[in-house]
Structure formats: C-alpha cells, structure tokens
C-alpha cells in the first residue's frame, strides 16, 4: 500500500507542476507561445541543449572538487540532477534534502556536513547571481523607468538585501536555540552554520568552486540569450543577464515546485523594465523553464527512481514511502 501511495504522490505532484506551467502558457495565449516556439531554429535548439548539458559537467566538477576523495564524478552528477528533478516536483526545495541524504550515504559524511555542502552550493550560486545583478544594474534604461517601477525595483532589492542580512545575523540569533528544539539533532542548524564556516579552509577546492559557479551561470545566461535572439533580437545581452540573475535570486522563496511563479515574476519584471512586451518576456521565461526543468526532470527523475530501487538515499524522509524507516512499523 505504501508503494502505491508513494507512486501516486510522485505523479500527482508532477501533474501539478505541469498544470502550473500550462496555466502560464494560457495567460499569454497558446497561439502566441507556439508562434514564439516556432521561431527557434533547430540548430539553435541543439546548441542550447548542448550548452545546458555542459553546465551539468561543471556542476558535477564543482561538487567533486569539494569532495575529491569521497564522491565520484558520476555520483556528483547523479545526486544533483536527481535533486533538481525533485525540486521541480516538490515545493520548498525538498530535493535539496535528498541531496543531503545521498551525500551522507555515499561520501560517509554526517548529516550536518552533507546538508552544509548542499547549502554551500546554493550560497555560491547566490553570491555569483548577486554580482551579476549588480553588474547589469549599470545598464538599466534609467531614463525610461517610471517612479512606480523604481519603487518596485527598490522594494525587491530590499527583500534580497534582507535575506542576505538575515543569513549573516542568524548565527547569533536566539532563534537558533528554538529551531534546535524543534528539529532532530541530525538537522541541528547551529552545526550546519559551523560546517559552513569551516569551508574557507578548503583552500584551492573552495576557490575553484567559485570559478565553476561563474562558468555555470555564464552558460545559463548564454542559453537564454540564444532563445532571445531567435524570438526578439532587439533584447540586449545585459537585459537577459539581469532578468535571469534576478529571477533565480527570487527562487530563494520556494513557494512552488521548481521556483515557478517566483522565478517568472522576477524574470518578466526585469524584461518589462527594459521595454520588452509582456507576451515576449513571458514566452522567453517559459521556454527557459521548459528546456531546463523538463530536461532535468527527464534525466533526473529516472535516476532518482533507480537510486531508490538500489536503496541509495532510501532514508529520504517525506518523499520515500516505499520503505519503512528503522524502528517504524509498516
């Protein structure tokens, strides 16, 4: 019975994610979206897929560089692509929890250290994205911005700064003691912060991970810019850089599976500031999502199911319902 319930949950939440994306397509009219999709040249599509696949090589190398003796390149790829696929199906970035569990089992790490590595990867992404947003702000068409848009932009940037500031002061906050009482010891937030503080001792592997992160996001921007050149060649590279960076920062708010809604809101908002029509901006956001998220899902979800079948990552609480946890009667 539990196996049936687990499978039902997988496919029900997958259907929800697809329905959310279909709703966005409906908001810009299906014929408009299909017209934009038809403008993508097959060779450009192949180039986009190739570049995006290359980002996964760098993602695997980044994690492998941080754990050179504990995890193979293949496992570094599998754990991340499976986690990304789960993040597209489940809200609140539950795929990150799976990555932490898998790293604990494969790399023989503690729960604190394995989850700290996952969080560390996100912090690297966040830092690079913030730098890219700051760079792109210089090229905003300030003379065309209305006071309302300037206020909205300022408010959104304030949210980002508050999130960053919150992370900095969290270590000294009494909130940690309250969280410690609510969470199991293996998810101790104080221990997670201590593990993060130790990462600066990784020397060369740490700094190379910054380089890998920069390359990953440059390639991500390149795939989206190729889409833009096919749909609306007048969109500048800096507009795409700003939109993609800001949209991904907005995904820090994990309300919906795959960051849907938050990512698209940030992405479309920035492009509208640059004078791009809503239909074009929304289509570009959706195409970027379709290619990347569906590719992650097509590759990552079967890998996740295969790992579960082998019993790897089987202690992934809340998603794995096909096996009983130790000490729990089925």
C-alpha atoms as a PDB file:
ATOM      1  CA  UNK A   1       0.000   0.000   0.000  1.00  0.00           C
ATOM      2  CA  UNK A   2       2.807   2.414   0.873  1.00  0.00           C
ATOM      3  CA  UNK A   3       4.444   1.767  -2.501  1.00  0.00           C
ATOM      4  CA  UNK A   4       1.183   2.660  -4.264  1.00  0.00           C
ATOM      5  CA  UNK A   5       0.805   5.812  -2.160  1.00  0.00           C
ATOM      6  CA  UNK A   6       4.395   6.822  -2.864  1.00  0.00           C
ATOM      7  CA  UNK A   7       3.979   6.380  -6.610  1.00  0.00           C
ATOM      8  CA  UNK A   8       0.694   8.302  -6.540  1.00  0.00           C
ATOM      9  CA  UNK A   9       2.379  11.195  -4.751  1.00  0.00           C
ATOM     10  CA  UNK A  10       5.152  11.313  -7.340  1.00  0.00           C
ATOM     11  CA  UNK A  11       2.794  11.506 -10.302  1.00  0.00           C
ATOM     12  CA  UNK A  12       0.203  13.754  -8.611  1.00  0.00           C
ATOM     13  CA  UNK A  13       2.804  16.400  -7.775  1.00  0.00           C
ATOM     14  CA  UNK A  14       4.375  16.030 -11.208  1.00  0.00           C
ATOM     15  CA  UNK A  15       0.952  16.682 -12.745  1.00  0.00           C
ATOM     16  CA  UNK A  16       0.568  19.770 -10.534  1.00  0.00           C
ATOM     17  CA  UNK A  17       3.865  21.199 -11.801  1.00  0.00           C
ATOM     18  CA  UNK A  18       2.840  20.607 -15.419  1.00  0.00           C
ATOM     19  CA  UNK A  19      -0.542  22.239 -14.780  1.00  0.00           C
ATOM     20  CA  UNK A  20       1.133  25.305 -13.305  1.00  0.00           C
ATOM     21  CA  UNK A  21       3.273  25.694 -16.407  1.00  0.00           C
ATOM     22  CA  UNK A  22       0.255  25.151 -18.664  1.00  0.00           C
ATOM     23  CA  UNK A  23      -1.560  27.907 -16.788  1.00  0.00           C
ATOM     24  CA  UNK A  24       1.257  30.334 -17.562  1.00  0.00           C
ATOM     25  CA  UNK A  25       1.094  29.412 -21.246  1.00  0.00           C
ATOM     26  CA  UNK A  26      -2.652  30.073 -21.171  1.00  0.00           C
ATOM     27  CA  UNK A  27      -2.054  33.533 -19.675  1.00  0.00           C
ATOM     28  CA  UNK A  28      -0.147  34.635 -22.786  1.00  0.00           C
ATOM     29  CA  UNK A  29      -2.375  32.689 -25.211  1.00  0.00           C
ATOM     30  CA  UNK A  30      -1.294  29.357 -26.620  1.00  0.00           C
ATOM     31  CA  UNK A  31      -1.029  30.585 -30.212  1.00  0.00           C
ATOM     32  CA  UNK A  32       1.375  33.369 -29.197  1.00  0.00           C
ATOM     33  CA  UNK A  33       3.558  30.937 -27.263  1.00  0.00           C
ATOM     34  CA  UNK A  34       3.552  28.433 -30.143  1.00  0.00           C
ATOM     35  CA  UNK A  35       4.464  31.217 -32.573  1.00  0.00           C
ATOM     36  CA  UNK A  36       7.470  32.116 -30.447  1.00  0.00           C
ATOM     37  CA  UNK A  37       8.386  28.457 -30.093  1.00  0.00           C
ATOM     38  CA  UNK A  38       8.239  28.046 -33.892  1.00  0.00           C
ATOM     39  CA  UNK A  39      10.809  30.831 -34.283  1.00  0.00           C
ATOM     40  CA  UNK A  40      13.501  28.693 -32.640  1.00  0.00           C
ATOM     41  CA  UNK A  41      15.764  27.259 -35.346  1.00  0.00           C
ATOM     42  CA  UNK A  42      16.538  23.530 -34.863  1.00  0.00           C
ATOM     43  CA  UNK A  43      20.278  24.194 -34.877  1.00  0.00           C
ATOM     44  CA  UNK A  44      19.835  26.876 -32.236  1.00  0.00           C
ATOM     45  CA  UNK A  45      17.810  24.406 -30.184  1.00  0.00           C
ATOM     46  CA  UNK A  46      20.590  21.819 -30.421  1.00  0.00           C
ATOM     47  CA  UNK A  47      23.148  24.455 -29.408  1.00  0.00           C
ATOM     48  CA  UNK A  48      21.034  25.413 -26.388  1.00  0.00           C
ATOM     49  CA  UNK A  49      20.751  21.781 -25.285  1.00  0.00           C
ATOM     50  CA  UNK A  50      24.499  21.280 -25.725  1.00  0.00           C
ATOM     51  CA  UNK A  51      25.389  24.370 -23.698  1.00  0.00           C
ATOM     52  CA  UNK A  52      22.951  23.473 -20.943  1.00  0.00           C
ATOM     53  CA  UNK A  53      24.313  19.923 -20.797  1.00  0.00           C
ATOM     54  CA  UNK A  54      27.769  21.456 -20.360  1.00  0.00           C
ATOM     55  CA  UNK A  55      26.573  23.303 -17.256  1.00  0.00           C
ATOM     56  CA  UNK A  56      25.936  19.915 -15.663  1.00  0.00           C
ATOM     57  CA  UNK A  57      29.514  18.842 -16.272  1.00  0.00           C
ATOM     58  CA  UNK A  58      30.636  21.954 -14.389  1.00  0.00           C
ATOM     59  CA  UNK A  59      28.097  21.324 -11.611  1.00  0.00           C
ATOM     60  CA  UNK A  60      29.447  17.803 -11.164  1.00  0.00           C
ATOM     61  CA  UNK A  61      33.034  19.072 -11.232  1.00  0.00           C
ATOM     62  CA  UNK A  62      32.191  21.714  -8.630  1.00  0.00           C
ATOM     63  CA  UNK A  63      30.846  19.185  -6.140  1.00  0.00           C
ATOM     64  CA  UNK A  64      33.580  16.682  -6.983  1.00  0.00           C
ATOM     65  CA  UNK A  65      36.194  19.382  -6.338  1.00  0.00           C
ATOM     66  CA  UNK A  66      34.814  19.960  -2.848  1.00  0.00           C
ATOM     67  CA  UNK A  67      34.754  16.206  -2.075  1.00  0.00           C
ATOM     68  CA  UNK A  68      37.615  14.825  -4.219  1.00  0.00           C
ATOM     69  CA  UNK A  69      38.190  11.641  -2.197  1.00  0.00           C
ATOM     70  CA  UNK A  70      34.615  10.890  -1.159  1.00  0.00           C
ATOM     71  CA  UNK A  71      32.475  11.015  -4.293  1.00  0.00           C
ATOM     72  CA  UNK A  72      32.973  10.124  -7.957  1.00  0.00           C
ATOM     73  CA  UNK A  73      32.167  12.481 -10.826  1.00  0.00           C
ATOM     74  CA  UNK A  74      29.274  10.228 -11.850  1.00  0.00           C
ATOM     75  CA  UNK A  75      27.742  10.267  -8.379  1.00  0.00           C
ATOM     76  CA  UNK A  76      28.265  14.032  -8.153  1.00  0.00           C
ATOM     77  CA  UNK A  77      26.189  14.367 -11.335  1.00  0.00           C
ATOM     78  CA  UNK A  78      23.519  11.862 -10.304  1.00  0.00           C
ATOM     79  CA  UNK A  79      22.846  13.330  -6.879  1.00  0.00           C
ATOM     80  CA  UNK A  80      22.442  16.857  -8.262  1.00  0.00           C
ATOM     81  CA  UNK A  81      20.331  16.066 -11.329  1.00  0.00           C
ATOM     82  CA  UNK A  82      18.053  13.883  -9.185  1.00  0.00           C
ATOM     83  CA  UNK A  83      17.759  16.636  -6.591  1.00  0.00           C
ATOM     84  CA  UNK A  84      16.947  19.226  -9.271  1.00  0.00           C
ATOM     85  CA  UNK A  85      14.263  16.928 -10.688  1.00  0.00           C
ATOM     86  CA  UNK A  86      12.694  16.535  -7.235  1.00  0.00           C
ATOM     87  CA  UNK A  87      12.782  20.299  -6.737  1.00  0.00           C
ATOM     88  CA  UNK A  88      10.667  20.605  -9.889  1.00  0.00           C
ATOM     89  CA  UNK A  89       8.095  18.169  -8.500  1.00  0.00           C
ATOM     90  CA  UNK A  90       8.045  19.105  -4.828  1.00  0.00           C
ATOM     91  CA  UNK A  91       7.776  22.564  -3.230  1.00  0.00           C
ATOM     92  CA  UNK A  92      10.112  24.015  -0.587  1.00  0.00           C
ATOM     93  CA  UNK A  93      13.215  22.588  -2.310  1.00  0.00           C
ATOM     94  CA  UNK A  94      12.772  19.121  -0.820  1.00  0.00           C
ATOM     95  CA  UNK A  95      15.156  17.843  -3.487  1.00  0.00           C
ATOM     96  CA  UNK A  96      17.941  19.501  -1.507  1.00  0.00           C
ATOM     97  CA  UNK A  97      17.120  17.224   1.415  1.00  0.00           C
ATOM     98  CA  UNK A  98      17.548  14.215  -0.877  1.00  0.00           C
ATOM     99  CA  UNK A  99      20.951  15.527  -2.000  1.00  0.00           C
ATOM    100  CA  UNK A 100      21.997  15.836   1.629  1.00  0.00           C
ATOM    101  CA  UNK A 101      20.846  12.293   2.429  1.00  0.00           C
ATOM    102  CA  UNK A 102      22.590  10.877  -0.660  1.00  0.00           C
ATOM    103  CA  UNK A 103      25.865  12.661   0.159  1.00  0.00           C
ATOM    104  CA  UNK A 104      25.706  11.327   3.712  1.00  0.00           C
ATOM    105  CA  UNK A 105      25.411   7.767   2.441  1.00  0.00           C
ATOM    106  CA  UNK A 106      27.823   7.973  -0.499  1.00  0.00           C
ATOM    107  CA  UNK A 107      30.506  10.244   0.946  1.00  0.00           C
ATOM    108  CA  UNK A 108      30.290   8.922   4.530  1.00  0.00           C
ATOM    109  CA  UNK A 109      29.530  12.370   5.918  1.00  0.00           C
ATOM    110  CA  UNK A 110      27.481  13.449   8.913  1.00  0.00           C
ATOM    111  CA  UNK A 111      24.021  14.865   8.279  1.00  0.00           C
ATOM    112  CA  UNK A 112      25.271  18.312   9.276  1.00  0.00           C
ATOM    113  CA  UNK A 113      28.202  18.247   6.898  1.00  0.00           C
ATOM    114  CA  UNK A 114      26.273  16.761   3.952  1.00  0.00           C
ATOM    115  CA  UNK A 115      23.471  19.316   4.242  1.00  0.00           C
ATOM    116  CA  UNK A 116      26.056  22.063   4.731  1.00  0.00           C
ATOM    117  CA  UNK A 117      27.654  21.101   1.404  1.00  0.00           C
ATOM    118  CA  UNK A 118      24.283  21.404  -0.340  1.00  0.00           C
ATOM    119  CA  UNK A 119      23.650  24.783   1.280  1.00  0.00           C
ATOM    120  CA  UNK A 120      27.184  25.847   0.375  1.00  0.00           C
ATOM    121  CA  UNK A 121      26.469  25.199  -3.318  1.00  0.00           C
ATOM    122  CA  UNK A 122      23.380  27.413  -3.106  1.00  0.00           C
ATOM    123  CA  UNK A 123      25.357  30.164  -1.375  1.00  0.00           C
ATOM    124  CA  UNK A 124      27.941  30.060  -4.163  1.00  0.00           C
ATOM    125  CA  UNK A 125      25.129  30.426  -6.707  1.00  0.00           C
ATOM    126  CA  UNK A 126      23.565  33.259  -4.711  1.00  0.00           C
ATOM    127  CA  UNK A 127      26.833  35.214  -4.470  1.00  0.00           C
ATOM    128  CA  UNK A 128      27.542  34.952  -8.192  1.00  0.00           C
ATOM    129  CA  UNK A 129      23.953  35.882  -9.080  1.00  0.00           C
ATOM    130  CA  UNK A 130      24.088  38.968  -6.845  1.00  0.00           C
ATOM    131  CA  UNK A 131      27.312  40.079  -8.548  1.00  0.00           C
ATOM    132  CA  UNK A 132      25.674  39.581 -11.954  1.00  0.00           C
ATOM    133  CA  UNK A 133      22.638  41.623 -10.900  1.00  0.00           C
ATOM    134  CA  UNK A 134      24.873  44.453  -9.682  1.00  0.00           C
ATOM    135  CA  UNK A 135      26.765  44.398 -12.987  1.00  0.00           C
ATOM    136  CA  UNK A 136      23.554  44.524 -15.005  1.00  0.00           C
ATOM    137  CA  UNK A 137      22.071  47.410 -12.978  1.00  0.00           C
ATOM    138  CA  UNK A 138      24.609  49.723 -14.628  1.00  0.00           C
ATOM    139  CA  UNK A 139      22.952  49.024 -17.983  1.00  0.00           C
ATOM    140  CA  UNK A 140      19.347  49.564 -16.874  1.00  0.00           C
ATOM    141  CA  UNK A 141      17.466  52.126 -19.039  1.00  0.00           C
ATOM    142  CA  UNK A 142      17.024  54.510 -16.122  1.00  0.00           C
ATOM    143  CA  UNK A 143      15.628  57.306 -18.289  1.00  0.00           C
ATOM    144  CA  UNK A 144      12.649  55.094 -19.271  1.00  0.00           C
ATOM    145  CA  UNK A 145      11.735  53.990 -15.759  1.00  0.00           C
ATOM    146  CA  UNK A 146       8.579  55.319 -14.133  1.00  0.00           C
ATOM    147  CA  UNK A 147       8.606  56.246 -10.409  1.00  0.00           C
ATOM    148  CA  UNK A 148       6.349  53.246  -9.711  1.00  0.00           C
ATOM    149  CA  UNK A 149       8.781  50.817 -11.337  1.00  0.00           C
ATOM    150  CA  UNK A 150      11.705  52.384  -9.480  1.00  0.00           C
ATOM    151  CA  UNK A 151       9.851  51.922  -6.189  1.00  0.00           C
ATOM    152  CA  UNK A 152       9.023  48.309  -7.038  1.00  0.00           C
ATOM    153  CA  UNK A 153      12.632  47.617  -8.053  1.00  0.00           C
ATOM    154  CA  UNK A 154      13.873  49.190  -4.847  1.00  0.00           C
ATOM    155  CA  UNK A 155      11.458  47.087  -2.809  1.00  0.00           C
ATOM    156  CA  UNK A 156      12.570  43.859  -4.471  1.00  0.00           C
ATOM    157  CA  UNK A 157      16.234  44.695  -3.983  1.00  0.00           C
ATOM    158  CA  UNK A 158      15.469  45.441  -0.322  1.00  0.00           C
ATOM    159  CA  UNK A 159      13.998  41.952   0.027  1.00  0.00           C
ATOM    160  CA  UNK A 160      17.200  40.458  -1.399  1.00  0.00           C
ATOM    161  CA  UNK A 161      19.331  42.522   0.983  1.00  0.00           C
ATOM    162  CA  UNK A 162      17.172  41.496   3.942  1.00  0.00           C
ATOM    163  CA  UNK A 163      17.576  37.828   3.014  1.00  0.00           C
ATOM    164  CA  UNK A 164      21.345  38.250   2.798  1.00  0.00           C
ATOM    165  CA  UNK A 165      21.470  40.232   6.035  1.00  0.00           C
ATOM    166  CA  UNK A 166      19.309  37.653   7.748  1.00  0.00           C
ATOM    167  CA  UNK A 167      21.765  34.926   6.845  1.00  0.00           C
ATOM    168  CA  UNK A 168      24.612  36.959   8.339  1.00  0.00           C
ATOM    169  CA  UNK A 169      22.924  37.634  11.694  1.00  0.00           C
ATOM    170  CA  UNK A 170      21.261  34.235  12.028  1.00  0.00           C
ATOM    171  CA  UNK A 171      24.305  32.702  13.675  1.00  0.00           C
ATOM    172  CA  UNK A 172      23.944  34.982  16.731  1.00  0.00           C
ATOM    173  CA  UNK A 173      20.163  34.927  16.840  1.00  0.00           C
ATOM    174  CA  UNK A 174      18.284  33.221  19.726  1.00  0.00           C
ATOM    175  CA  UNK A 175      16.036  31.813  17.019  1.00  0.00           C
ATOM    176  CA  UNK A 176      18.627  29.087  16.512  1.00  0.00           C
ATOM    177  CA  UNK A 177      18.012  27.743  20.006  1.00  0.00           C
ATOM    178  CA  UNK A 178      14.302  27.495  19.266  1.00  0.00           C
ATOM    179  CA  UNK A 179      14.966  25.757  15.964  1.00  0.00           C
ATOM    180  CA  UNK A 180      17.317  23.370  17.720  1.00  0.00           C
ATOM    181  CA  UNK A 181      14.474  22.238  19.984  1.00  0.00           C
ATOM    182  CA  UNK A 182      12.114  21.705  17.061  1.00  0.00           C
ATOM    183  CA  UNK A 183      14.474  19.895  14.686  1.00  0.00           C
ATOM    184  CA  UNK A 184      16.077  16.467  15.108  1.00  0.00           C
ATOM    185  CA  UNK A 185      19.703  16.558  16.194  1.00  0.00           C
ATOM    186  CA  UNK A 186      20.863  15.467  12.743  1.00  0.00           C
ATOM    187  CA  UNK A 187      19.395  18.710  11.301  1.00  0.00           C
ATOM    188  CA  UNK A 188      20.915  20.940  14.006  1.00  0.00           C
ATOM    189  CA  UNK A 189      21.105  24.457  12.439  1.00  0.00           C
ATOM    190  CA  UNK A 190      23.982  25.507  14.709  1.00  0.00           C
ATOM    191  CA  UNK A 191      26.063  22.579  13.453  1.00  0.00           C
ATOM    192  CA  UNK A 192      25.154  23.496   9.858  1.00  0.00           C
ATOM    193  CA  UNK A 193      26.446  27.037  10.343  1.00  0.00           C
ATOM    194  CA  UNK A 194      29.651  25.740  11.924  1.00  0.00           C
ATOM    195  CA  UNK A 195      30.207  23.462   8.942  1.00  0.00           C
ATOM    196  CA  UNK A 196      29.643  26.385   6.553  1.00  0.00           C
ATOM    197  CA  UNK A 197      32.146  28.484   8.499  1.00  0.00           C
ATOM    198  CA  UNK A 198      34.770  25.762   8.016  1.00  0.00           C
ATOM    199  CA  UNK A 199      34.522  25.745   4.218  1.00  0.00           C
ATOM    200  CA  UNK A 200      37.036  28.572   3.853  1.00  0.00           C
ATOM    201  CA  UNK A 201      39.693  26.042   4.914  1.00  0.00           C
ATOM    202  CA  UNK A 202      39.145  24.067   1.702  1.00  0.00           C
ATOM    203  CA  UNK A 203      41.805  26.245   0.023  1.00  0.00           C
ATOM    204  CA  UNK A 204      42.131  25.543  -3.718  1.00  0.00           C
ATOM    205  CA  UNK A 205      38.979  23.432  -3.961  1.00  0.00           C
ATOM    206  CA  UNK A 206      36.974  26.273  -2.454  1.00  0.00           C
ATOM    207  CA  UNK A 207      38.222  28.904  -4.881  1.00  0.00           C
ATOM    208  CA  UNK A 208      37.911  26.608  -7.891  1.00  0.00           C
ATOM    209  CA  UNK A 209      34.271  26.108  -6.901  1.00  0.00           C
ATOM    210  CA  UNK A 210      33.790  29.868  -7.339  1.00  0.00           C
ATOM    211  CA  UNK A 211      35.193  29.594 -10.867  1.00  0.00           C
ATOM    212  CA  UNK A 212      32.935  26.641 -11.672  1.00  0.00           C
ATOM    213  CA  UNK A 213      29.929  28.586 -10.361  1.00  0.00           C
ATOM    214  CA  UNK A 214      30.761  31.589 -12.523  1.00  0.00           C
ATOM    215  CA  UNK A 215      31.088  29.418 -15.625  1.00  0.00           C
ATOM    216  CA  UNK A 216      27.795  27.654 -14.845  1.00  0.00           C
ATOM    217  CA  UNK A 217      25.852  30.912 -14.749  1.00  0.00           C
ATOM    218  CA  UNK A 218      27.569  32.419 -17.773  1.00  0.00           C
ATOM    219  CA  UNK A 219      26.471  29.329 -19.722  1.00  0.00           C
ATOM    220  CA  UNK A 220      22.948  29.581 -18.258  1.00  0.00           C
ATOM    221  CA  UNK A 221      22.724  33.190 -19.489  1.00  0.00           C
ATOM    222  CA  UNK A 222      24.080  32.121 -22.894  1.00  0.00           C
ATOM    223  CA  UNK A 223      21.289  29.554 -23.382  1.00  0.00           C
ATOM    224  CA  UNK A 224      18.634  32.112 -22.534  1.00  0.00           C
ATOM    225  CA  UNK A 225      20.245  34.757 -24.751  1.00  0.00           C
ATOM    226  CA  UNK A 226      20.203  32.371 -27.720  1.00  0.00           C
ATOM    227  CA  UNK A 227      16.467  31.956 -27.137  1.00  0.00           C
ATOM    228  CA  UNK A 228      16.114  35.742 -27.088  1.00  0.00           C
ATOM    229  CA  UNK A 229      17.994  36.210 -30.372  1.00  0.00           C
ATOM    230  CA  UNK A 230      15.513  33.859 -32.037  1.00  0.00           C
ATOM    231  CA  UNK A 231      12.342  35.416 -30.573  1.00  0.00           C
ATOM    232  CA  UNK A 232      13.221  39.112 -30.211  1.00  0.00           C
ATOM    233  CA  UNK A 233      16.731  40.015 -31.441  1.00  0.00           C
ATOM    234  CA  UNK A 234      16.375  43.552 -30.070  1.00  0.00           C
ATOM    235  CA  UNK A 235      16.664  42.300 -26.473  1.00  0.00           C
ATOM    236  CA  UNK A 236      20.142  43.119 -25.199  1.00  0.00           C
ATOM    237  CA  UNK A 237      22.513  40.680 -23.547  1.00  0.00           C
ATOM    238  CA  UNK A 238      22.512  42.808 -20.396  1.00  0.00           C
ATOM    239  CA  UNK A 239      18.730  42.621 -20.169  1.00  0.00           C
ATOM    240  CA  UNK A 240      18.901  38.809 -20.278  1.00  0.00           C
ATOM    241  CA  UNK A 241      21.742  38.793 -17.738  1.00  0.00           C
ATOM    242  CA  UNK A 242      19.685  40.945 -15.361  1.00  0.00           C
ATOM    243  CA  UNK A 243      16.433  39.012 -15.871  1.00  0.00           C
ATOM    244  CA  UNK A 244      17.916  35.542 -15.447  1.00  0.00           C
ATOM    245  CA  UNK A 245      20.033  36.537 -12.448  1.00  0.00           C
ATOM    246  CA  UNK A 246      17.193  38.329 -10.668  1.00  0.00           C
ATOM    247  CA  UNK A 247      14.714  35.561 -11.479  1.00  0.00           C
ATOM    248  CA  UNK A 248      16.987  32.931  -9.964  1.00  0.00           C
ATOM    249  CA  UNK A 249      17.555  35.040  -6.849  1.00  0.00           C
ATOM    250  CA  UNK A 250      13.771  35.200  -6.455  1.00  0.00           C
ATOM    251  CA  UNK A 251      13.751  31.380  -6.376  1.00  0.00           C
ATOM    252  CA  UNK A 252      15.151  31.682  -2.856  1.00  0.00           C
ATOM    253  CA  UNK A 253      11.435  31.919  -1.981  1.00  0.00           C
ATOM    254  CA  UNK A 254      10.483  28.248  -2.615  1.00  0.00           C
ATOM    255  CA  UNK A 255       6.674  28.503  -2.660  1.00  0.00           C
ATOM    256  CA  UNK A 256       6.042  26.354  -5.720  1.00  0.00           C
ATOM    257  CA  UNK A 257       7.830  23.388  -7.360  1.00  0.00           C
ATOM    258  CA  UNK A 258      10.807  24.421  -9.476  1.00  0.00           C
ATOM    259  CA  UNK A 259      10.611  28.026  -8.294  1.00  0.00           C
ATOM    260  CA  UNK A 260       7.717  28.538 -10.681  1.00  0.00           C
ATOM    261  CA  UNK A 261       5.962  31.835 -10.227  1.00  0.00           C
ATOM    262  CA  UNK A 262       8.740  33.498  -8.230  1.00  0.00           C
ATOM    263  CA  UNK A 263      11.349  32.957 -10.966  1.00  0.00           C
ATOM    264  CA  UNK A 264       8.995  34.033 -13.734  1.00  0.00           C
ATOM    265  CA  UNK A 265       7.828  37.115 -11.834  1.00  0.00           C
ATOM    266  CA  UNK A 266      11.382  38.348 -11.381  1.00  0.00           C
ATOM    267  CA  UNK A 267      12.414  37.452 -14.934  1.00  0.00           C
ATOM    268  CA  UNK A 268       9.405  39.107 -16.614  1.00  0.00           C
ATOM    269  CA  UNK A 269       9.574  42.157 -14.346  1.00  0.00           C
ATOM    270  CA  UNK A 270      13.163  42.954 -15.329  1.00  0.00           C
ATOM    271  CA  UNK A 271      12.490  42.479 -19.049  1.00  0.00           C
ATOM    272  CA  UNK A 272       9.443  44.764 -18.879  1.00  0.00           C
ATOM    273  CA  UNK A 273      11.698  47.419 -17.312  1.00  0.00           C
ATOM    274  CA  UNK A 274      13.890  47.042 -20.397  1.00  0.00           C
ATOM    275  CA  UNK A 275      10.873  47.709 -22.630  1.00  0.00           C
ATOM    276  CA  UNK A 276      10.149  44.109 -23.654  1.00  0.00           C
ATOM    277  CA  UNK A 277       6.408  43.349 -24.195  1.00  0.00           C
ATOM    278  CA  UNK A 278       4.832  41.068 -21.604  1.00  0.00           C
ATOM    279  CA  UNK A 279       3.993  38.313 -24.137  1.00  0.00           C
ATOM    280  CA  UNK A 280       7.612  38.142 -25.324  1.00  0.00           C
ATOM    281  CA  UNK A 281       9.043  38.274 -21.795  1.00  0.00           C
ATOM    282  CA  UNK A 282       6.667  35.578 -20.518  1.00  0.00           C
ATOM    283  CA  UNK A 283       7.311  33.323 -23.523  1.00  0.00           C
ATOM    284  CA  UNK A 284      11.051  33.649 -23.040  1.00  0.00           C
ATOM    285  CA  UNK A 285      10.713  32.832 -19.344  1.00  0.00           C
ATOM    286  CA  UNK A 286       8.596  29.767 -20.115  1.00  0.00           C
ATOM    287  CA  UNK A 287      10.939  28.498 -22.832  1.00  0.00           C
ATOM    288  CA  UNK A 288      13.862  28.843 -20.457  1.00  0.00           C
ATOM    289  CA  UNK A 289      11.887  26.844 -17.890  1.00  0.00           C
ATOM    290  CA  UNK A 290      10.669  24.212 -20.342  1.00  0.00           C
ATOM    291  CA  UNK A 291      14.097  23.357 -21.683  1.00  0.00           C
ATOM    292  CA  UNK A 292      15.958  23.349 -18.381  1.00  0.00           C
ATOM    293  CA  UNK A 293      13.351  21.984 -15.989  1.00  0.00           C
ATOM    294  CA  UNK A 294      11.923  19.340 -18.313  1.00  0.00           C
ATOM    295  CA  UNK A 295      15.438  18.187 -19.242  1.00  0.00           C
ATOM    296  CA  UNK A 296      16.282  17.965 -15.540  1.00  0.00           C
ATOM    297  CA  UNK A 297      13.075  16.014 -14.983  1.00  0.00           C
ATOM    298  CA  UNK A 298      13.557  13.676 -17.946  1.00  0.00           C
ATOM    299  CA  UNK A 299      17.081  12.764 -16.856  1.00  0.00           C
ATOM    300  CA  UNK A 300      16.952  13.254 -13.100  1.00  0.00           C
ATOM    301  CA  UNK A 301      13.690  11.584 -12.114  1.00  0.00           C
ATOM    302  CA  UNK A 302      14.566   8.156 -13.637  1.00  0.00           C
ATOM    303  CA  UNK A 303      17.957   8.432 -11.942  1.00  0.00           C
ATOM    304  CA  UNK A 304      16.227   9.150  -8.634  1.00  0.00           C
ATOM    305  CA  UNK A 305      13.908   6.136  -9.067  1.00  0.00           C
ATOM    306  CA  UNK A 306      16.913   3.972  -9.953  1.00  0.00           C
ATOM    307  CA  UNK A 307      18.783   5.114  -6.852  1.00  0.00           C
ATOM    308  CA  UNK A 308      15.728   4.400  -4.712  1.00  0.00           C
ATOM    309  CA  UNK A 309      15.441   0.924  -6.220  1.00  0.00           C
ATOM    310  CA  UNK A 310      19.031   0.256  -5.188  1.00  0.00           C
ATOM    311  CA  UNK A 311      18.292   1.567  -1.708  1.00  0.00           C
ATOM    312  CA  UNK A 312      20.504   4.643  -2.134  1.00  0.00           C
ATOM    313  CA  UNK A 313      19.048   7.735  -0.499  1.00  0.00           C
ATOM    314  CA  UNK A 314      16.355   5.480   0.985  1.00  0.00           C
ATOM    315  CA  UNK A 315      16.199   7.462   4.230  1.00  0.00           C
ATOM    316  CA  UNK A 316      14.847  10.468   2.360  1.00  0.00           C
ATOM    317  CA  UNK A 317      12.038  11.274   4.814  1.00  0.00           C
ATOM    318  CA  UNK A 318       8.794  12.665   3.485  1.00  0.00           C
ATOM    319  CA  UNK A 319       9.183  11.504  -0.127  1.00  0.00           C
ATOM    320  CA  UNK A 320      10.313   7.890   0.080  1.00  0.00           C
ATOM    321  CA  UNK A 321       7.251   5.970   1.161  1.00  0.00           C
ATOM    322  CA  UNK A 322       8.137   2.616  -0.379  1.00  0.00           C
ATOM    323  CA  UNK A 323      10.306   1.613   2.574  1.00  0.00           C
ATOM    324  CA  UNK A 324       9.756   1.873   6.298  1.00  0.00           C
ATOM    325  CA  UNK A 325      12.317   3.776   8.330  1.00  0.00           C
ATOM    326  CA  UNK A 326      14.230   1.901  11.005  1.00  0.00           C
ATOM    327  CA  UNK A 327      12.151   1.393  14.107  1.00  0.00           C
ATOM    328  CA  UNK A 328       8.889   2.232  12.330  1.00  0.00           C
ATOM    329  CA  UNK A 329       6.325  -0.485  11.756  1.00  0.00           C
ATOM    330  CA  UNK A 330       4.796  -0.713   8.307  1.00  0.00           C
END
